[in-house]
Protein backbone atom coordinates (compact mmCIF):
# COMPACT_ATOMS: atom_id res chain seq x y z
CA MET A 1 -6.39 8.02 8.02
CA ASN A 2 -6.36 6.48 4.56
CA PRO A 3 -3.05 4.67 3.81
CA ARG A 4 -3.57 5.14 0.08
CA THR A 5 -2.91 8.87 0.45
CA GLU A 6 0.78 8.26 1.18
CA PRO A 7 2.78 8.64 -2.07
CA LEU A 8 5.88 6.84 -0.75
CA LEU A 9 3.94 3.58 -0.44
CA TRP A 10 3.15 3.71 -4.15
CA ILE A 11 6.78 4.50 -4.97
CA GLN A 12 7.87 1.38 -3.07
CA LEU A 13 5.81 -0.71 -5.49
CA LEU A 14 8.26 0.20 -8.27
CA GLY A 15 10.61 -2.38 -6.76
CA LEU A 16 8.60 -5.05 -8.56
CA SER A 17 9.88 -3.75 -11.91
CA VAL A 18 13.45 -3.16 -10.65
CA LEU A 19 14.03 -6.71 -9.35
CA PRO A 20 14.30 -8.32 -12.84
CA LEU A 21 16.81 -5.65 -13.87
CA GLU A 22 18.94 -6.37 -10.82
CA ALA A 23 18.86 -10.10 -11.60
CA LEU A 24 20.06 -9.31 -15.14
CA LEU A 25 22.89 -7.20 -13.72
CA LEU A 26 23.85 -10.07 -11.43
CA LEU A 27 24.03 -12.35 -14.47
CA LEU A 28 26.39 -9.93 -16.19
CA LEU A 29 28.64 -9.75 -13.13
CA LEU A 30 28.92 -13.52 -12.91
CA ALA A 31 29.59 -13.74 -16.64
CA GLY A 32 32.63 -11.50 -16.35
CA SER A 33 34.59 -13.97 -14.22
CA ASP A 34 35.65 -17.57 -14.62
CA PRO A 35 34.26 -20.05 -12.07
CA GLY A 36 36.69 -21.62 -9.60
CA PRO A 37 37.27 -25.29 -8.79
CA ALA A 38 34.22 -25.39 -6.47
CA PRO A 39 31.48 -23.18 -7.94
CA LEU A 40 28.81 -24.37 -5.49
CA VAL A 41 30.91 -23.39 -2.47
CA GLU A 42 31.54 -19.96 -3.98
CA GLU A 43 27.84 -19.49 -4.63
CA VAL A 44 26.90 -20.46 -1.07
CA LEU A 45 29.50 -18.07 0.35
CA CYS A 46 28.22 -15.26 -1.87
CA TRP A 47 24.65 -15.99 -0.77
CA SER A 48 25.64 -16.10 2.90
CA LEU A 49 27.30 -12.70 2.73
CA GLY A 50 24.61 -11.00 0.67
CA ALA A 51 21.29 -12.65 1.48
CA LEU A 52 21.62 -14.58 4.75
CA ALA A 53 23.43 -11.84 6.68
CA SER A 54 20.98 -9.22 5.41
CA ALA A 55 18.02 -11.43 6.32
CA LEU A 56 19.23 -11.75 9.92
CA LEU A 57 19.63 -7.97 10.12
CA LEU A 58 16.19 -7.27 8.62
CA TRP A 59 14.61 -9.88 10.90
CA ARG A 60 15.86 -8.01 13.94
CA ALA A 61 15.16 -4.50 12.58
CA PRO A 62 12.79 -4.41 9.57
CA ALA A 63 13.43 -1.88 6.83
CA ASP A 64 11.73 1.44 7.46
CA VAL A 65 8.94 1.77 4.94
CA TRP A 66 9.58 5.54 4.68
CA SER A 67 13.16 4.98 3.52
CA LEU A 68 14.28 4.74 -0.12
CA LEU A 69 17.78 3.54 0.86
CA LEU A 70 19.40 6.79 -0.30
CA ALA A 71 16.81 9.23 1.06
CA GLN A 72 14.14 9.05 3.74
CA ILE A 73 11.46 11.08 5.47
CA PRO A 74 12.82 12.78 8.63
CA ALA A 75 11.72 11.02 11.80
CA ARG A 76 10.73 14.30 13.47
CA GLY A 77 8.76 15.52 10.46
CA ARG A 78 6.51 12.49 9.94
CA ARG A 79 2.79 12.87 10.05
CA ASP A 80 0.55 11.06 12.50
CA LEU A 81 -0.62 8.69 9.76
CA GLN A 82 2.95 7.76 8.87
CA GLN A 83 3.78 7.00 12.50
CA ARG A 84 0.71 4.78 12.82
CA LEU A 85 1.60 2.89 9.65
CA SER A 86 5.14 2.35 10.96
CA ARG A 87 3.63 0.59 13.98
CA LEU A 88 1.69 -1.75 11.69
CA GLN A 89 4.95 -3.14 10.29
CA ASP A 90 5.35 -5.29 13.43
CA THR A 91 3.75 -8.43 12.03
CA PHE A 92 5.22 -11.92 12.06
CA ALA A 93 3.87 -12.67 8.58
CA LEU A 94 5.94 -9.87 7.03
CA LYS A 95 9.09 -11.25 8.65
CA ILE A 96 8.42 -14.73 7.28
CA LEU A 97 7.57 -13.57 3.76
CA GLY A 98 10.20 -10.80 3.65
CA PRO A 99 13.64 -11.75 5.02
CA GLY A 100 12.80 -15.43 5.51
CA LEU A 101 11.27 -16.42 2.18
CA GLY A 102 13.20 -13.80 0.23
CA SER A 103 16.62 -15.01 1.34
CA LEU A 104 15.76 -18.65 0.62
CA ALA A 105 14.56 -17.76 -2.88
CA LEU A 106 17.80 -15.93 -3.69
CA LEU A 107 19.98 -19.06 -3.29
CA PRO A 108 18.53 -21.08 -6.21
CA LEU A 109 18.37 -17.86 -8.24
CA LEU A 110 22.09 -17.25 -7.72
CA ILE A 111 22.98 -20.85 -8.60
CA ARG A 112 20.92 -20.77 -11.79
CA LEU A 113 22.32 -17.41 -12.90
CA ASP A 114 25.86 -18.62 -12.30
CA HIS A 115 25.23 -21.69 -14.45
CA GLN A 116 23.77 -19.54 -17.24
CA ALA A 117 26.53 -16.91 -17.02
CA ALA A 118 28.32 -18.35 -20.06
CA VAL A 119 25.52 -17.00 -22.25
CA ALA A 120 26.45 -13.41 -21.36
CA ALA A 121 30.23 -14.00 -21.33
CA PRO A 122 30.79 -12.48 -24.83
CA LEU A 123 29.54 -9.13 -23.51
CA TRP A 124 32.67 -8.84 -21.34
CA HIS A 125 35.18 -9.56 -24.13
CA PRO A 126 38.04 -8.61 -23.81
CA ALA A 127 37.41 -7.33 -20.23
CA HIS A 128 37.62 -9.73 -17.32
CA LEU A 129 36.68 -9.58 -13.62
CA PRO A 130 38.40 -11.50 -10.84
CA ARG A 131 36.16 -14.12 -9.30
CA LEU A 132 36.39 -12.58 -5.83
CA VAL A 133 35.34 -9.15 -7.10
CA ALA A 134 32.39 -10.63 -8.98
CA LEU A 135 31.22 -12.55 -5.90
CA LEU A 136 31.47 -9.50 -3.62
CA LEU A 137 29.54 -7.32 -6.06
CA GLY A 138 27.00 -10.12 -6.43
CA ALA A 139 26.58 -10.26 -2.63
CA LEU A 140 25.91 -6.52 -2.63
CA LEU A 141 23.25 -6.99 -5.29
CA LEU A 142 21.62 -9.78 -3.30
CA SER A 143 21.36 -7.48 -0.26
CA LEU A 144 19.74 -4.79 -2.39
CA MET A 145 17.26 -7.24 -3.87
CA LEU A 146 16.30 -8.50 -0.41
CA TRP A 147 15.79 -4.93 0.83
CA GLN A 148 13.48 -4.09 -2.08
CA TRP A 149 11.59 -7.34 -1.67
CA GLN A 150 10.76 -6.54 1.94
CA GLN A 151 9.82 -2.95 1.09
CA LEU A 152 7.50 -4.22 -1.65
CA LEU A 153 5.70 -6.59 0.72
CA GLN A 154 5.39 -3.94 3.42
CA ALA A 155 3.94 -1.40 1.00
CA LEU A 156 1.35 -3.90 -0.25
CA TRP A 157 0.46 -4.81 3.34
CA LEU A 158 0.02 -1.20 4.48
CA LEU A 159 -1.98 -0.16 1.42
CA GLY A 160 -4.49 -2.87 2.23
CA ARG A 161 -5.13 -1.74 5.81
CA SER A 162 -8.51 -0.20 6.61
CA GLU A 163 -8.97 3.26 8.05
CA SER A 164 -10.50 1.88 11.25
CA MET A 165 -7.44 -0.33 11.85
CA VAL A 166 -5.07 2.59 11.28
CA ARG A 167 -7.08 4.83 13.58
CA ALA A 168 -6.96 2.22 16.36
CA THR A 169 -3.15 1.83 16.11
CA GLN A 170 -0.84 3.76 18.40
CA PRO A 171 1.76 5.98 16.64
CA LEU A 172 5.40 4.91 16.69
CA SER A 173 7.53 7.54 18.41
CA PRO A 174 10.87 8.66 16.90
CA GLU A 175 12.73 7.06 19.82
CA ASP A 176 11.13 3.67 19.17
CA LEU A 177 11.80 4.12 15.46
CA LYS A 178 15.56 4.32 15.99
CA GLN A 179 15.57 1.11 18.04
CA SER A 180 13.21 -1.06 16.02
CA ARG A 181 13.62 0.05 12.37
CA LEU A 182 16.50 0.06 9.89
CA SER A 183 16.12 3.54 8.42
CA LEU A 184 18.79 4.39 5.84
CA GLY A 185 19.22 7.48 3.71
CA ILE A 186 19.49 11.23 4.03
CA PRO A 187 16.38 12.83 5.63
CA LEU A 188 15.37 14.96 2.67
CA LEU A 189 11.97 13.61 1.60
CA LEU A 190 8.84 15.58 2.53
CA PRO A 191 6.16 14.42 0.04
CA PRO A 192 2.67 15.89 0.54
CA PRO A 193 -0.25 13.49 0.93
CA LEU A 194 -2.29 12.53 -2.10
CA THR A 195 -5.80 13.92 -2.48
CA LEU A 196 -8.33 11.24 -3.33
CA GLU A 197 -11.25 13.16 -4.82
CA GLY A 198 -14.66 11.59 -5.18
CA PRO A 199 -16.74 11.55 -8.38
CA ALA A 200 -17.52 14.97 -9.77
CA GLN A 201 -20.97 16.26 -8.89
CA SER A 202 -23.20 17.02 -11.86
CA PRO A 203 -24.66 20.51 -12.18
CA ALA A 204 -28.17 19.14 -11.79
CA MET A 205 -27.26 17.78 -8.35
CA GLY A 206 -26.02 21.16 -7.11
CA LYS A 207 -27.95 23.64 -5.05
CA ALA A 208 -31.09 25.11 -6.56
CA SER A 209 -30.91 28.76 -7.49
CA PRO A 210 -32.89 30.98 -5.13
CA ALA A 211 -36.20 32.24 -6.42
CA ARG A 212 -36.67 35.88 -7.23
CA PRO A 213 -38.56 37.91 -4.67
CA GLY A 214 -42.19 38.35 -5.48
CA THR A 215 -42.51 35.14 -7.46
CA GLN A 216 -44.02 31.83 -6.53
CA ALA A 217 -42.59 28.49 -7.56
CA THR A 218 -44.73 26.65 -10.03
CA VAL A 219 -45.73 23.06 -9.41
CA ASP A 220 -46.34 20.66 -12.27
CA HIS A 221 -49.84 19.20 -12.13
CA PRO A 222 -50.96 16.03 -13.82
CA PRO A 223 -53.09 16.46 -16.94
CA GLY A 224 -56.76 16.90 -16.22
CA PRO A 225 -59.27 19.59 -15.26
CA ARG A 226 -57.65 22.50 -13.56
CA VAL A 227 -58.75 23.68 -10.16
CA ALA A 228 -60.98 26.66 -10.18
CA ASN A 229 -59.19 28.53 -7.42
CA GLU A 230 -55.68 28.06 -8.88
CA THR A 231 -53.44 31.03 -8.26
CA SER A 232 -51.43 32.75 -10.96
CA THR A 233 -47.63 32.96 -10.97
CA ILE A 234 -47.15 36.44 -12.37
CA ASP A 235 -44.85 38.89 -10.64
CA GLY A 236 -46.43 40.75 -7.80
CA PRO A 237 -49.15 39.69 -5.37
CA THR A 238 -50.97 36.54 -6.29
CA LEU A 239 -54.53 37.04 -7.54
CA PRO A 240 -57.25 34.41 -7.40
CA VAL A 241 -58.76 33.35 -10.70
CA LYS A 242 -62.55 33.62 -10.74
CA PRO A 243 -64.49 30.55 -11.83
CA LYS A 244 -66.04 30.54 -15.24
CA GLN A 245 -69.53 32.06 -15.30
CA ALA A 246 -72.46 30.69 -17.23
CA PRO A 247 -73.38 32.66 -20.39
CA THR A 248 -76.17 35.18 -19.92
CA GLU A 249 -79.39 34.81 -21.83
CA GLU A 250 -79.61 37.41 -24.58
CA GLN A 251 -83.38 36.99 -24.84
CA GLY A 252 -86.01 36.40 -22.24
CA ARG A 253 -88.06 33.36 -21.48
CA GLU A 254 -90.53 34.21 -24.21
CA LEU A 255 -88.58 32.07 -26.58
CA ASP A 256 -89.12 29.06 -24.37
CA GLU A 257 -92.95 29.38 -24.41
CA PRO A 258 -94.79 27.22 -26.94
CA ILE A 259 -96.31 28.90 -30.01
CA ALA A 260 -100.12 28.95 -29.97
């Protein structure tokens, strides 16, 4: 029940690097057309079609975190962990930071890019786009940017959930998924879960090799006098070691008597 084993959550994080490229493409689209008599009204209309309408839709039905817009994981083939994580998307904070804050941030971005569009105007020479076409394509880009912004926040949120929280969450059934999630794309994705391996175990920490039959394991003793009855560790039955005997007297006690 570890959310970090789901590869699609890590793929959703790539939206952070795609958002600047989409903003650059929006700048190029606006540079290919001449502004009308009321540029601010045109920008607000473009933002309303692309960002505000998409925000209202995503507020009612959040983007399915297992959808990549063009492809998705089949609802019937999702694992128990994926269904539990789908239930965790129902948070009010994600709605505020996703569709709410994201749509509001796109309006000043669109206005600033439209004002700076003259910088990229030479790239369209001698081609030219009608203003209406540029605004409609810009609205489509704003919707895509809002979708990726919400997917990015949801992936970060789910990757930070603990295993105990995921285990205590009820799975989201496929019937509830169709009613409460905006899941787009062809159901073709079936990525296997990631394997998070722990640190490799050193050979010294492994199991000890079994001793050969007929041998006795040796025990290291501290330096000092050895015990007299210490057993030997040679192959076969263990034999006691006899204590050292005193040297025998080669001559009798006559040597100890005093000389007269």
